[in-house]
Structure formats: structure tokens, C-alpha cells
Amino acid sequence: MKIEFISSKENPLFKEIRHLQAVGPKGQKARFISGQTLLEGIHLVQAWVGNPALRFLITSEVGLQNPEIAQAVYDHVEICPETRVYQLDKGLWGLLSDLVNAPHIAGLLDLPQSALAPQQSIATLPGDVIILDRIQDAGNLGSILRTAAATGFTQVIALSGCAHLWSSKVLRAGMGAHRLLDLYEGWSYQQVLSAVTAPLLAATAGGELDIFNMRKELMQPVAWVMGSEGQGISDDLMAQAKGVSIPIDPRVESLNVSAAAAICLFETVRVRRS
């Protein structure tokens, strides 16, 4: 296995990695331009071992002394021999990773076409769907994607106004779920209403339907709509959806959107298995 060394922070690849880590629109633009995103940490790299989209691995001398990291690197290179492996100078790793005391391993992953052409037109999107409406918190988004993968809801649409699904923070919170999902970003309300064939169910306080009394509705394909942390679900979607409420103690105002998504998705699974 050939290992290339990076000893300067002026190295072009090192600079590109730093650009990919930028937050907000700046980071999203950098990921679109390069067609790549950064996987940080052993768990994310392991999730893509054997996938040719993982074309670059970055580690350090310390990292290669870790048996788990070394095994992941060797396993991936054996399956994908064209992978380029880089070893950072020890002093550079602290500039690369936002993760304190994390194992020294990262990867550059080619973004799927759906991420590079986020507003692609799709005639129909049948079956179960999750629709994310202007959710900005990376932790919430990643948690919802992880729940989606766990419950078998593989189609996820992020409307325009959501945080970038392929940012480092969302990837870390997703814990490898991205590899199991079909992700569509930057859609408009009109695109959703045109393409999604399942009835829209909007998780919202005061919804007319009780999540725990919906056997008939949940036995069929559904499109769960989850709204932003502050504004909730947009009027455009609510006008086309049935509101669904989750019974909670009246002393509590609301649930975190990722918790609400987990309840709705797992209740759907429970109903279909019962």
C-alpha cells in the first residue's frame, strides 16, 4: 500500500479539506464545487469501507498504530486499490479535526449525483417518504436520518432552507445512515407535491389525528413531514397534509423534532408489524 505524506498546511489537499469543513453556505458551496465531503472518525469511515466513492483516506502515524484504523484502511484499499492514502504530519492533525481526542482517521467521499444536482426533477417518488421542512440544526437532521435508516424509511427529501445533509456535523450525527438512504435536497414545496404519491402526514401540535390511533392510515405508504425547530411546518405543506399529534404531558410545550420523528417512524413500523 502506497502512502503519501502531507507535512505542510499549505498543501492543496489539506486546504481543500479545510474548505469542506466550513459551516453554512460557504461549506456547502465548497462541497458542491469539489463534489466531495469529509468523513471524520473511525465509525463513518468504517461505514463506507469497500465503497469506491471513498477515494481518499487521511490518517497519521498515530492513527496507523491504532489496530482498528489500520484494519479499516487495509480492508478498504484491498477492495478499492485505487484509493489514495495520505499520512498527515503529527502537528497537522489538530488543525484538521474538530473532534477532540478522536482517532486519527478521515476520508474524502464522492457525493452522490442527487447531492450534486439537488433540485433535480423526479416525476414520481412512490412509497414511504420523509420530508424535512427547513430544519437547521445539524444534530437534529443527523438524528432523523439515523432513525430513518433504522426504520427502513430510505427516501428523504430536504426542502430548501434545511442545513446541508452532507455537512460534517450532519454526517457525524447520522453515524453512517447516509449510506443507506436516498437523499434529495433543495426541493421546493411544488416539487414535493408533484412527485410524492403517498398522503402527507404532518407531525404538529394540535393535529386532528392521534399518532397512537392511526392503524388504517399507517398500513399504507405515508409521507411524514417534519418542520423546522422554530417555525414548524410551512402553510403550503400543512394545507395539503393531515395533522398528527403526539400526546404529551400538558406541562411540556413541545418535543424536539428528532424525538417527534422517531416516535412517528417507529409507530409506523409497530403498526405494520402488529
C-alpha atoms as a PDB file:
ATOM      1  CA  MET A   1       0.000   0.000   0.000  1.00  0.00           C
ATOM      2  CA  LYS A   2       1.445   3.339  -1.072  1.00  0.00           C
ATOM      3  CA  ILE A   3       1.185   6.165   1.475  1.00  0.00           C
ATOM      4  CA  GLU A   4       1.633   9.803   0.507  1.00  0.00           C
ATOM      5  CA  PHE A   5       2.819  12.295   3.115  1.00  0.00           C
ATOM      6  CA  ILE A   6       1.494  15.781   3.878  1.00  0.00           C
ATOM      7  CA  SER A   7       3.759  17.918   6.052  1.00  0.00           C
ATOM      8  CA  SER A   8       2.553  21.470   5.350  1.00  0.00           C
ATOM      9  CA  LYS A   9      -0.743  23.236   5.941  1.00  0.00           C
ATOM     10  CA  GLU A  10      -0.161  24.888   2.557  1.00  0.00           C
ATOM     11  CA  ASN A  11      -0.641  21.522   0.841  1.00  0.00           C
ATOM     12  CA  PRO A  12      -3.516  21.868  -1.712  1.00  0.00           C
ATOM     13  CA  LEU A  13      -5.347  18.781  -0.450  1.00  0.00           C
ATOM     14  CA  PHE A  14      -5.088  19.928   3.148  1.00  0.00           C
ATOM     15  CA  LYS A  15      -6.503  23.324   2.165  1.00  0.00           C
ATOM     16  CA  GLU A  16      -9.370  21.666   0.304  1.00  0.00           C
ATOM     17  CA  ILE A  17     -10.239  19.572   3.357  1.00  0.00           C
ATOM     18  CA  ARG A  18     -10.380  22.683   5.493  1.00  0.00           C
ATOM     19  CA  HIS A  19     -12.752  24.310   2.977  1.00  0.00           C
ATOM     20  CA  LEU A  20     -15.043  21.264   3.129  1.00  0.00           C
ATOM     21  CA  GLN A  21     -15.295  21.697   6.895  1.00  0.00           C
ATOM     22  CA  ALA A  22     -16.659  25.233   6.683  1.00  0.00           C
ATOM     23  CA  VAL A  23     -20.128  25.686   8.121  1.00  0.00           C
ATOM     24  CA  GLY A  24     -23.199  27.140   6.433  1.00  0.00           C
ATOM     25  CA  PRO A  25     -23.423  28.154   2.759  1.00  0.00           C
ATOM     26  CA  LYS A  26     -19.638  28.500   2.472  1.00  0.00           C
ATOM     27  CA  GLY A  27     -19.063  24.849   3.304  1.00  0.00           C
ATOM     28  CA  GLN A  28     -21.959  23.707   1.146  1.00  0.00           C
ATOM     29  CA  LYS A  29     -20.561  25.632  -1.824  1.00  0.00           C
ATOM     30  CA  ALA A  30     -17.127  24.079  -1.295  1.00  0.00           C
ATOM     31  CA  ARG A  31     -18.657  20.597  -1.245  1.00  0.00           C
ATOM     32  CA  PHE A  32     -20.607  21.281  -4.445  1.00  0.00           C
ATOM     33  CA  ILE A  33     -17.508  22.589  -6.228  1.00  0.00           C
ATOM     34  CA  SER A  34     -15.283  19.673  -5.207  1.00  0.00           C
ATOM     35  CA  GLY A  35     -18.015  17.044  -5.452  1.00  0.00           C
ATOM     36  CA  GLN A  36     -16.822  15.625  -2.144  1.00  0.00           C
ATOM     37  CA  THR A  37     -17.481  15.694   1.558  1.00  0.00           C
ATOM     38  CA  LEU A  38     -15.358  14.840   4.580  1.00  0.00           C
ATOM     39  CA  LEU A  39     -15.921  11.763   6.738  1.00  0.00           C
ATOM     40  CA  GLU A  40     -14.442  12.268  10.203  1.00  0.00           C
ATOM     41  CA  GLY A  41     -13.865   9.441  12.665  1.00  0.00           C
ATOM     42  CA  ILE A  42     -13.496   5.696  12.551  1.00  0.00           C
ATOM     43  CA  HIS A  43     -17.208   4.872  12.570  1.00  0.00           C
ATOM     44  CA  LEU A  44     -18.012   6.933   9.475  1.00  0.00           C
ATOM     45  CA  VAL A  45     -15.001   5.592   7.576  1.00  0.00           C
ATOM     46  CA  GLN A  46     -15.952   2.023   8.511  1.00  0.00           C
ATOM     47  CA  ALA A  47     -19.481   2.647   7.209  1.00  0.00           C
ATOM     48  CA  TRP A  48     -18.064   3.271   3.722  1.00  0.00           C
ATOM     49  CA  VAL A  49     -15.294   0.627   3.680  1.00  0.00           C
ATOM     50  CA  GLY A  50     -15.498  -1.136   0.326  1.00  0.00           C
ATOM     51  CA  ASN A  51     -17.432   1.677  -1.359  1.00  0.00           C
ATOM     52  CA  PRO A  52     -15.476   3.127  -4.331  1.00  0.00           C
ATOM     53  CA  ALA A  53     -16.941   6.573  -3.579  1.00  0.00           C
ATOM     54  CA  LEU A  54     -14.460   6.708  -0.682  1.00  0.00           C
ATOM     55  CA  ARG A  55     -11.424   7.552  -2.821  1.00  0.00           C
ATOM     56  CA  PHE A  56      -9.144   9.234  -0.265  1.00  0.00           C
ATOM     57  CA  LEU A  57      -8.161   8.215   3.272  1.00  0.00           C
ATOM     58  CA  ILE A  58      -6.303  10.545   5.627  1.00  0.00           C
ATOM     59  CA  THR A  59      -4.570   9.378   8.772  1.00  0.00           C
ATOM     60  CA  SER A  60      -1.338   9.908  10.724  1.00  0.00           C
ATOM     61  CA  GLU A  61       1.469   7.863  12.213  1.00  0.00           C
ATOM     62  CA  VAL A  62      -0.516   7.748  15.439  1.00  0.00           C
ATOM     63  CA  GLY A  63      -3.609   6.657  13.535  1.00  0.00           C
ATOM     64  CA  LEU A  64      -1.882   3.764  11.796  1.00  0.00           C
ATOM     65  CA  GLN A  65      -0.750   2.479  15.192  1.00  0.00           C
ATOM     66  CA  ASN A  66      -4.413   2.005  16.098  1.00  0.00           C
ATOM     67  CA  PRO A  67      -5.387  -1.569  15.078  1.00  0.00           C
ATOM     68  CA  GLU A  68      -8.974  -0.608  14.260  1.00  0.00           C
ATOM     69  CA  ILE A  69      -7.877   2.243  11.989  1.00  0.00           C
ATOM     70  CA  ALA A  70      -5.163   0.179  10.313  1.00  0.00           C
ATOM     71  CA  GLN A  71      -7.653  -2.615   9.645  1.00  0.00           C
ATOM     72  CA  ALA A  72     -10.182  -0.222   8.092  1.00  0.00           C
ATOM     73  CA  VAL A  73      -7.506   1.304   5.855  1.00  0.00           C
ATOM     74  CA  TYR A  74      -6.146  -2.042   4.684  1.00  0.00           C
ATOM     75  CA  ASP A  75      -9.604  -3.542   4.156  1.00  0.00           C
ATOM     76  CA  HIS A  76     -10.730  -0.604   2.050  1.00  0.00           C
ATOM     77  CA  VAL A  77      -7.563  -0.475  -0.048  1.00  0.00           C
ATOM     78  CA  GLU A  78      -7.778  -4.208  -0.689  1.00  0.00           C
ATOM     79  CA  ILE A  79     -11.307  -3.828  -2.087  1.00  0.00           C
ATOM     80  CA  CYS A  80     -10.682  -0.449  -3.749  1.00  0.00           C
ATOM     81  CA  PRO A  81      -6.986  -0.469  -4.776  1.00  0.00           C
ATOM     82  CA  GLU A  82      -7.221   2.927  -6.495  1.00  0.00           C
ATOM     83  CA  THR A  83      -7.764   4.612  -3.111  1.00  0.00           C
ATOM     84  CA  ARG A  84      -5.132   7.193  -2.223  1.00  0.00           C
ATOM     85  CA  VAL A  85      -3.902   7.115   1.374  1.00  0.00           C
ATOM     86  CA  TYR A  86      -2.356  10.192   2.995  1.00  0.00           C
ATOM     87  CA  GLN A  87      -0.433  10.430   6.237  1.00  0.00           C
ATOM     88  CA  LEU A  88      -0.501  13.816   7.907  1.00  0.00           C
ATOM     89  CA  ASP A  89       2.380  15.167   9.903  1.00  0.00           C
ATOM     90  CA  LYS A  90       1.504  14.774  13.573  1.00  0.00           C
ATOM     91  CA  GLY A  91       1.290  18.520  14.138  1.00  0.00           C
ATOM     92  CA  LEU A  92      -1.284  18.980  11.351  1.00  0.00           C
ATOM     93  CA  TRP A  93      -3.941  16.673  12.726  1.00  0.00           C
ATOM     94  CA  GLY A  94      -5.074  19.147  15.357  1.00  0.00           C
ATOM     95  CA  LEU A  95      -5.756  21.647  12.558  1.00  0.00           C
ATOM     96  CA  LEU A  96      -7.754  19.114  10.563  1.00  0.00           C
ATOM     97  CA  SER A  97     -10.167  17.551  13.017  1.00  0.00           C
ATOM     98  CA  ASP A  98     -12.855  19.241  15.097  1.00  0.00           C
ATOM     99  CA  LEU A  99     -13.110  16.094  17.218  1.00  0.00           C
ATOM    100  CA  VAL A 100     -11.113  16.342  20.446  1.00  0.00           C
ATOM    101  CA  ASN A 101      -9.082  13.186  21.162  1.00  0.00           C
ATOM    102  CA  ALA A 102     -10.723  11.382  18.240  1.00  0.00           C
ATOM    103  CA  PRO A 103      -8.879   8.580  16.404  1.00  0.00           C
ATOM    104  CA  HIS A 104      -6.725   9.914  13.568  1.00  0.00           C
ATOM    105  CA  ILE A 105      -8.760   8.823  10.545  1.00  0.00           C
ATOM    106  CA  ALA A 106     -10.830  10.667   7.946  1.00  0.00           C
ATOM    107  CA  GLY A 107     -11.890  10.185   4.368  1.00  0.00           C
ATOM    108  CA  LEU A 108     -12.970  12.141   1.319  1.00  0.00           C
ATOM    109  CA  LEU A 109     -16.196  10.773  -0.105  1.00  0.00           C
ATOM    110  CA  ASP A 110     -17.585  11.489  -3.569  1.00  0.00           C
ATOM    111  CA  LEU A 111     -21.057  12.976  -3.230  1.00  0.00           C
ATOM    112  CA  PRO A 112     -23.932  11.142  -4.950  1.00  0.00           C
ATOM    113  CA  GLN A 113     -25.478  12.698  -8.024  1.00  0.00           C
ATOM    114  CA  SER A 114     -28.611  13.615  -6.060  1.00  0.00           C
ATOM    115  CA  ALA A 115     -26.453  15.840  -3.842  1.00  0.00           C
ATOM    116  CA  LEU A 116     -24.624  17.468  -6.743  1.00  0.00           C
ATOM    117  CA  ALA A 117     -27.874  18.222  -8.592  1.00  0.00           C
ATOM    118  CA  PRO A 118     -30.075  18.966  -5.576  1.00  0.00           C
ATOM    119  CA  GLN A 119     -33.041  20.333  -7.493  1.00  0.00           C
ATOM    120  CA  GLN A 120     -33.285  17.515  -9.981  1.00  0.00           C
ATOM    121  CA  SER A 121     -36.759  16.847 -11.298  1.00  0.00           C
ATOM    122  CA  ILE A 122     -38.288  13.480 -10.421  1.00  0.00           C
ATOM    123  CA  ALA A 123     -41.625  12.552 -11.948  1.00  0.00           C
ATOM    124  CA  THR A 124     -42.817  10.409  -9.056  1.00  0.00           C
ATOM    125  CA  LEU A 125     -41.436   9.234  -5.727  1.00  0.00           C
ATOM    126  CA  PRO A 126     -43.678   6.350  -4.647  1.00  0.00           C
ATOM    127  CA  GLY A 127     -43.672   4.608  -1.274  1.00  0.00           C
ATOM    128  CA  ASP A 128     -42.769   5.907   2.161  1.00  0.00           C
ATOM    129  CA  VAL A 129     -41.035   9.283   2.305  1.00  0.00           C
ATOM    130  CA  ILE A 130     -39.733  11.637   4.980  1.00  0.00           C
ATOM    131  CA  ILE A 131     -39.978  15.350   4.177  1.00  0.00           C
ATOM    132  CA  LEU A 132     -37.816  17.767   6.165  1.00  0.00           C
ATOM    133  CA  ASP A 133     -39.008  21.363   6.141  1.00  0.00           C
ATOM    134  CA  ARG A 134     -36.330  23.999   6.922  1.00  0.00           C
ATOM    135  CA  ILE A 135     -34.666  22.063   9.756  1.00  0.00           C
ATOM    136  CA  GLN A 136     -31.439  23.886  10.560  1.00  0.00           C
ATOM    137  CA  ASP A 137     -29.864  22.021  13.470  1.00  0.00           C
ATOM    138  CA  ALA A 138     -27.261  19.532  12.235  1.00  0.00           C
ATOM    139  CA  GLY A 139     -27.721  17.277  15.247  1.00  0.00           C
ATOM    140  CA  ASN A 140     -31.468  17.063  14.661  1.00  0.00           C
ATOM    141  CA  LEU A 141     -31.013  16.310  10.962  1.00  0.00           C
ATOM    142  CA  GLY A 142     -28.424  13.611  11.569  1.00  0.00           C
ATOM    143  CA  SER A 143     -30.548  12.028  14.276  1.00  0.00           C
ATOM    144  CA  ILE A 144     -33.585  11.940  11.971  1.00  0.00           C
ATOM    145  CA  LEU A 145     -31.527  10.328   9.196  1.00  0.00           C
ATOM    146  CA  ARG A 146     -30.261   7.708  11.625  1.00  0.00           C
ATOM    147  CA  THR A 147     -33.833   6.944  12.710  1.00  0.00           C
ATOM    148  CA  ALA A 148     -34.943   6.815   9.077  1.00  0.00           C
ATOM    149  CA  ALA A 149     -32.326   4.185   8.296  1.00  0.00           C
ATOM    150  CA  ALA A 150     -33.245   2.198  11.415  1.00  0.00           C
ATOM    151  CA  THR A 151     -36.922   2.107  10.475  1.00  0.00           C
ATOM    152  CA  GLY A 152     -36.448   1.431   6.763  1.00  0.00           C
ATOM    153  CA  PHE A 153     -37.638   4.840   5.552  1.00  0.00           C
ATOM    154  CA  THR A 154     -34.985   5.146   2.862  1.00  0.00           C
ATOM    155  CA  GLN A 155     -36.351   8.132   0.893  1.00  0.00           C
ATOM    156  CA  VAL A 156     -35.683  11.520   2.480  1.00  0.00           C
ATOM    157  CA  ILE A 157     -36.409  14.931   0.963  1.00  0.00           C
ATOM    158  CA  ALA A 158     -34.836  18.037   2.491  1.00  0.00           C
ATOM    159  CA  LEU A 159     -36.632  21.166   1.339  1.00  0.00           C
ATOM    160  CA  SER A 160     -34.797  24.349   0.504  1.00  0.00           C
ATOM    161  CA  GLY A 161     -33.847  26.006   3.784  1.00  0.00           C
ATOM    162  CA  CYS A 162     -32.607  22.858   5.541  1.00  0.00           C
ATOM    163  CA  ALA A 163     -28.987  22.573   6.619  1.00  0.00           C
ATOM    164  CA  HIS A 164     -26.811  20.661   4.159  1.00  0.00           C
ATOM    165  CA  LEU A 165     -27.324  16.920   4.687  1.00  0.00           C
ATOM    166  CA  TRP A 166     -23.718  16.177   3.710  1.00  0.00           C
ATOM    167  CA  SER A 167     -22.039  18.593   6.121  1.00  0.00           C
ATOM    168  CA  SER A 168     -19.529  17.141   8.587  1.00  0.00           C
ATOM    169  CA  LYS A 169     -21.820  17.708  11.574  1.00  0.00           C
ATOM    170  CA  VAL A 170     -24.856  16.058   9.973  1.00  0.00           C
ATOM    171  CA  LEU A 171     -22.721  13.133   8.834  1.00  0.00           C
ATOM    172  CA  ARG A 172     -21.361  12.622  12.336  1.00  0.00           C
ATOM    173  CA  ALA A 173     -24.832  12.745  13.870  1.00  0.00           C
ATOM    174  CA  GLY A 174     -26.097  10.332  11.209  1.00  0.00           C
ATOM    175  CA  MET A 175     -23.493   7.738  12.226  1.00  0.00           C
ATOM    176  CA  GLY A 176     -23.308   6.155   8.754  1.00  0.00           C
ATOM    177  CA  ALA A 177     -27.028   6.332   7.952  1.00  0.00           C
ATOM    178  CA  HIS A 178     -26.342   8.335   4.786  1.00  0.00           C
ATOM    179  CA  ARG A 179     -25.047   5.228   3.022  1.00  0.00           C
ATOM    180  CA  LEU A 180     -28.415   3.508   3.467  1.00  0.00           C
ATOM    181  CA  LEU A 181     -30.615   6.372   2.287  1.00  0.00           C
ATOM    182  CA  ASP A 182     -31.721   8.056  -0.925  1.00  0.00           C
ATOM    183  CA  LEU A 183     -31.337  11.744  -0.104  1.00  0.00           C
ATOM    184  CA  TYR A 184     -32.844  14.596  -2.107  1.00  0.00           C
ATOM    185  CA  GLU A 185     -32.031  18.221  -1.268  1.00  0.00           C
ATOM    186  CA  GLY A 186     -33.099  21.706  -2.210  1.00  0.00           C
ATOM    187  CA  TRP A 187     -36.601  20.735  -3.290  1.00  0.00           C
ATOM    188  CA  SER A 188     -39.456  23.223  -3.397  1.00  0.00           C
ATOM    189  CA  TYR A 189     -42.912  22.622  -1.978  1.00  0.00           C
ATOM    190  CA  GLN A 190     -44.215  22.333  -5.536  1.00  0.00           C
ATOM    191  CA  GLN A 191     -41.728  19.577  -6.367  1.00  0.00           C
ATOM    192  CA  VAL A 192     -42.769  17.629  -3.285  1.00  0.00           C
ATOM    193  CA  LEU A 193     -46.470  17.915  -4.045  1.00  0.00           C
ATOM    194  CA  SER A 194     -45.848  16.892  -7.650  1.00  0.00           C
ATOM    195  CA  ALA A 195     -43.571  13.903  -7.021  1.00  0.00           C
ATOM    196  CA  VAL A 196     -44.667  12.343  -3.721  1.00  0.00           C
ATOM    197  CA  THR A 197     -47.567   9.932  -4.190  1.00  0.00           C
ATOM    198  CA  ALA A 198     -48.192   8.961  -0.539  1.00  0.00           C
ATOM    199  CA  PRO A 199     -50.526  11.061   1.618  1.00  0.00           C
ATOM    200  CA  LEU A 200     -48.761  13.738   3.678  1.00  0.00           C
ATOM    201  CA  LEU A 201     -48.870  13.356   7.455  1.00  0.00           C
ATOM    202  CA  ALA A 202     -47.598  16.397   9.340  1.00  0.00           C
ATOM    203  CA  ALA A 203     -46.333  15.977  12.893  1.00  0.00           C
ATOM    204  CA  THR A 204     -47.697  19.057  14.610  1.00  0.00           C
ATOM    205  CA  ALA A 205     -49.145  20.116  17.926  1.00  0.00           C
ATOM    206  CA  GLY A 206     -52.920  20.112  17.847  1.00  0.00           C
ATOM    207  CA  GLY A 207     -53.160  17.771  14.862  1.00  0.00           C
ATOM    208  CA  GLU A 208     -56.566  16.188  14.386  1.00  0.00           C
ATOM    209  CA  LEU A 209     -55.164  12.638  14.299  1.00  0.00           C
ATOM    210  CA  ASP A 210     -53.615  10.857  17.296  1.00  0.00           C
ATOM    211  CA  ILE A 211     -50.389   9.061  16.329  1.00  0.00           C
ATOM    212  CA  PHE A 212     -51.392   6.100  18.509  1.00  0.00           C
ATOM    213  CA  ASN A 213     -54.770   5.653  16.836  1.00  0.00           C
ATOM    214  CA  MET A 214     -53.842   5.513  13.154  1.00  0.00           C
ATOM    215  CA  ARG A 215     -53.712   1.849  12.209  1.00  0.00           C
ATOM    216  CA  LYS A 216     -55.609   2.328   8.942  1.00  0.00           C
ATOM    217  CA  GLU A 217     -53.525   5.286   7.781  1.00  0.00           C
ATOM    218  CA  LEU A 218     -50.153   3.786   8.699  1.00  0.00           C
ATOM    219  CA  MET A 219     -50.727   0.445   6.969  1.00  0.00           C
ATOM    220  CA  GLN A 220     -50.324   2.239   3.641  1.00  0.00           C
ATOM    221  CA  PRO A 221     -47.300   4.201   2.320  1.00  0.00           C
ATOM    222  CA  VAL A 222     -47.043   7.586   4.026  1.00  0.00           C
ATOM    223  CA  ALA A 223     -45.044  10.790   3.697  1.00  0.00           C
ATOM    224  CA  TRP A 224     -44.099  12.070   7.150  1.00  0.00           C
ATOM    225  CA  VAL A 225     -43.471  15.828   7.273  1.00  0.00           C
ATOM    226  CA  MET A 226     -41.203  17.233   9.995  1.00  0.00           C
ATOM    227  CA  GLY A 227     -40.977  21.000  10.422  1.00  0.00           C
ATOM    228  CA  SER A 228     -38.304  23.441  11.499  1.00  0.00           C
ATOM    229  CA  GLU A 229     -37.391  23.891  15.148  1.00  0.00           C
ATOM    230  CA  GLY A 230     -38.769  27.424  15.377  1.00  0.00           C
ATOM    231  CA  GLN A 231     -41.336  27.874  12.617  1.00  0.00           C
ATOM    232  CA  GLY A 232     -42.824  24.414  12.362  1.00  0.00           C
ATOM    233  CA  ILE A 233     -44.277  23.172   9.097  1.00  0.00           C
ATOM    234  CA  SER A 234     -44.965  25.695   6.341  1.00  0.00           C
ATOM    235  CA  ASP A 235     -48.515  26.700   5.467  1.00  0.00           C
ATOM    236  CA  ASP A 236     -48.028  25.347   1.931  1.00  0.00           C
ATOM    237  CA  LEU A 237     -47.443  21.811   3.196  1.00  0.00           C
ATOM    238  CA  MET A 238     -49.949  21.987   6.023  1.00  0.00           C
ATOM    239  CA  ALA A 239     -52.652  22.864   3.517  1.00  0.00           C
ATOM    240  CA  GLN A 240     -52.036  19.524   1.788  1.00  0.00           C
ATOM    241  CA  ALA A 241     -51.384  17.361   4.862  1.00  0.00           C
ATOM    242  CA  LYS A 242     -53.265  15.751   7.699  1.00  0.00           C
ATOM    243  CA  GLY A 243     -52.045  16.990  11.084  1.00  0.00           C
ATOM    244  CA  VAL A 244     -50.871  14.318  13.505  1.00  0.00           C
ATOM    245  CA  SER A 245     -50.375  14.977  17.203  1.00  0.00           C
ATOM    246  CA  ILE A 246     -48.233  13.110  19.734  1.00  0.00           C
ATOM    247  CA  PRO A 247     -49.858  13.018  23.194  1.00  0.00           C
ATOM    248  CA  ILE A 248     -47.545  14.664  25.743  1.00  0.00           C
ATOM    249  CA  ASP A 249     -47.861  15.997  29.259  1.00  0.00           C
ATOM    250  CA  PRO A 250     -49.651  19.394  29.008  1.00  0.00           C
ATOM    251  CA  ARG A 251     -46.937  20.962  31.144  1.00  0.00           C
ATOM    252  CA  VAL A 252     -44.485  20.363  28.255  1.00  0.00           C
ATOM    253  CA  GLU A 253     -44.857  22.729  25.297  1.00  0.00           C
ATOM    254  CA  SER A 254     -43.420  20.547  22.559  1.00  0.00           C
ATOM    255  CA  LEU A 255     -40.998  17.789  21.561  1.00  0.00           C
ATOM    256  CA  ASN A 256     -37.654  18.086  19.834  1.00  0.00           C
ATOM    257  CA  VAL A 257     -38.173  17.464  16.118  1.00  0.00           C
ATOM    258  CA  SER A 258     -35.832  14.460  16.090  1.00  0.00           C
ATOM    259  CA  ALA A 259     -37.737  12.897  19.013  1.00  0.00           C
ATOM    260  CA  ALA A 260     -41.043  13.520  17.244  1.00  0.00           C
ATOM    261  CA  ALA A 261     -39.685  11.921  14.074  1.00  0.00           C
ATOM    262  CA  ALA A 262     -38.532   8.851  15.996  1.00  0.00           C
ATOM    263  CA  ILE A 263     -41.988   8.401  17.566  1.00  0.00           C
ATOM    264  CA  CYS A 264     -43.784   8.741  14.234  1.00  0.00           C
ATOM    265  CA  LEU A 265     -41.476   6.422  12.305  1.00  0.00           C
ATOM    266  CA  PHE A 266     -41.279   3.702  14.934  1.00  0.00           C
ATOM    267  CA  GLU A 267     -45.040   3.825  15.481  1.00  0.00           C
ATOM    268  CA  THR A 268     -45.437   3.276  11.734  1.00  0.00           C
ATOM    269  CA  VAL A 269     -43.170   0.230  11.964  1.00  0.00           C
ATOM    270  CA  ARG A 270     -45.020  -1.085  15.047  1.00  0.00           C
ATOM    271  CA  VAL A 271     -48.415  -0.821  13.379  1.00  0.00           C
ATOM    272  CA  ARG A 272     -47.242  -2.648  10.279  1.00  0.00           C
ATOM    273  CA  ARG A 273     -45.716  -5.457  12.308  1.00  0.00           C
ATOM    274  CA  SER A 274     -48.657  -5.934  14.654  1.00  0.00           C
END
